[in-house]
Amino acid sequence: MTTWTDDMKESVSKQWLNPFVVLDYKNEIVGIYRNSKQCEREREFGFSSMGIRNCLNKKTRTQKRFRFEKISFDEYLEYIGISN
């Protein structure tokens, strides 16, 4: 049985792109992430990846008073400063 290291988890996470933005109560973007696991790992806001996915899939409206909106891969690259 293989034990997953943090490097292994990060490598797999980078392969899965489901980019989204985090919006505050003023509807301003406060974060841009490639997937829910990246957001959870950074622990900036204390979000859970399951809670994020529930918001992105419209099962819940917010998590900790923040909203999440899916963005396209091209928008994600533009936000993080990489041009196609």
Protein backbone atom coordinates (compact mmCIF):
# COMPACT_ATOMS: atom_id res chain seq x y z
CA MET A 1 0.00 0.00 0.00
CA THR A 2 1.34 3.42 -1.01
CA THR A 3 1.22 6.37 1.35
CA TRP A 4 0.56 9.61 -0.48
CA THR A 5 3.09 12.35 0.18
CA ASP A 6 2.23 16.03 -0.12
CA ASP A 7 4.32 16.20 -3.32
CA MET A 8 2.36 13.31 -4.83
CA LYS A 9 -0.97 14.94 -3.92
CA GLU A 10 0.16 18.28 -5.40
CA SER A 11 1.26 16.57 -8.63
CA VAL A 12 -2.12 14.88 -9.10
CA SER A 13 -3.99 18.06 -8.13
CA LYS A 14 -2.20 20.04 -10.85
CA GLN A 15 -3.57 17.62 -13.45
CA TRP A 16 -7.19 18.37 -12.49
CA LEU A 17 -8.34 21.78 -13.62
CA ASN A 18 -11.71 23.01 -12.48
CA PRO A 19 -10.88 26.70 -12.10
CA PHE A 20 -13.03 29.08 -10.09
CA VAL A 21 -13.01 32.45 -8.40
CA VAL A 22 -13.93 33.23 -4.79
CA LEU A 23 -16.19 36.25 -4.32
CA ASP A 24 -16.78 38.18 -1.11
CA TYR A 25 -20.00 39.85 0.05
CA LYS A 26 -19.22 42.88 -2.15
CA ASN A 27 -19.01 40.57 -5.18
CA GLU A 28 -15.28 41.27 -5.47
CA ILE A 29 -12.83 38.53 -6.42
CA VAL A 30 -10.67 37.59 -3.44
CA GLY A 31 -9.12 34.40 -4.84
CA ILE A 32 -8.50 32.45 -8.04
CA TYR A 33 -7.85 28.72 -7.85
CA ARG A 34 -7.27 25.86 -10.29
CA ASN A 35 -9.35 23.42 -8.20
CA SER A 36 -10.94 22.96 -4.79
CA LYS A 37 -8.01 20.98 -3.39
CA GLN A 38 -5.57 23.82 -4.10
CA CYS A 39 -7.88 26.24 -2.30
CA GLU A 40 -8.28 23.91 0.66
CA ARG A 41 -4.52 23.30 0.96
CA GLU A 42 -3.67 27.00 0.98
CA ARG A 43 -5.90 27.44 4.06
CA GLU A 44 -6.21 31.17 3.39
CA PHE A 45 -9.93 31.17 4.15
CA GLY A 46 -10.35 27.78 5.83
CA PHE A 47 -12.62 26.34 3.13
CA SER A 48 -13.20 22.63 2.72
CA SER A 49 -12.92 21.19 -0.78
CA MET A 50 -16.29 19.42 -0.34
CA GLY A 51 -17.94 22.72 0.63
CA ILE A 52 -16.41 24.44 -2.39
CA ARG A 53 -17.64 21.71 -4.74
CA ASN A 54 -21.13 21.92 -3.21
CA CYS A 55 -21.19 25.65 -3.99
CA LEU A 56 -19.83 25.17 -7.52
CA ASN A 57 -22.46 22.49 -8.17
CA LYS A 58 -25.25 24.71 -6.78
CA LYS A 59 -26.03 22.45 -3.80
CA THR A 60 -25.31 25.34 -1.46
CA ARG A 61 -25.06 29.07 -2.11
CA THR A 62 -22.09 30.04 0.06
CA GLN A 63 -19.37 28.76 2.34
CA LYS A 64 -18.32 31.02 5.20
CA ARG A 65 -20.24 33.84 3.44
CA PHE A 66 -18.16 33.54 0.27
CA ARG A 67 -19.46 32.54 -3.16
CA PHE A 68 -17.69 30.47 -5.79
CA GLU A 69 -18.05 30.78 -9.56
CA LYS A 70 -16.60 28.50 -12.20
CA ILE A 71 -14.43 30.15 -14.84
CA SER A 72 -13.02 28.87 -18.10
CA PHE A 73 -9.45 27.61 -18.44
CA ASP A 74 -8.62 30.66 -20.58
CA GLU A 75 -10.00 33.02 -17.92
CA TYR A 76 -7.95 31.20 -15.28
CA LEU A 77 -4.76 31.62 -17.31
CA GLU A 78 -5.56 35.30 -17.85
CA TYR A 79 -6.15 35.87 -14.12
CA ILE A 80 -2.86 34.24 -13.12
CA GLY A 81 -0.95 36.13 -15.82
CA ILE A 82 -0.24 33.41 -18.37
CA SER A 83 -1.21 34.12 -21.95
CA ASN A 84 -2.14 31.41 -24.43
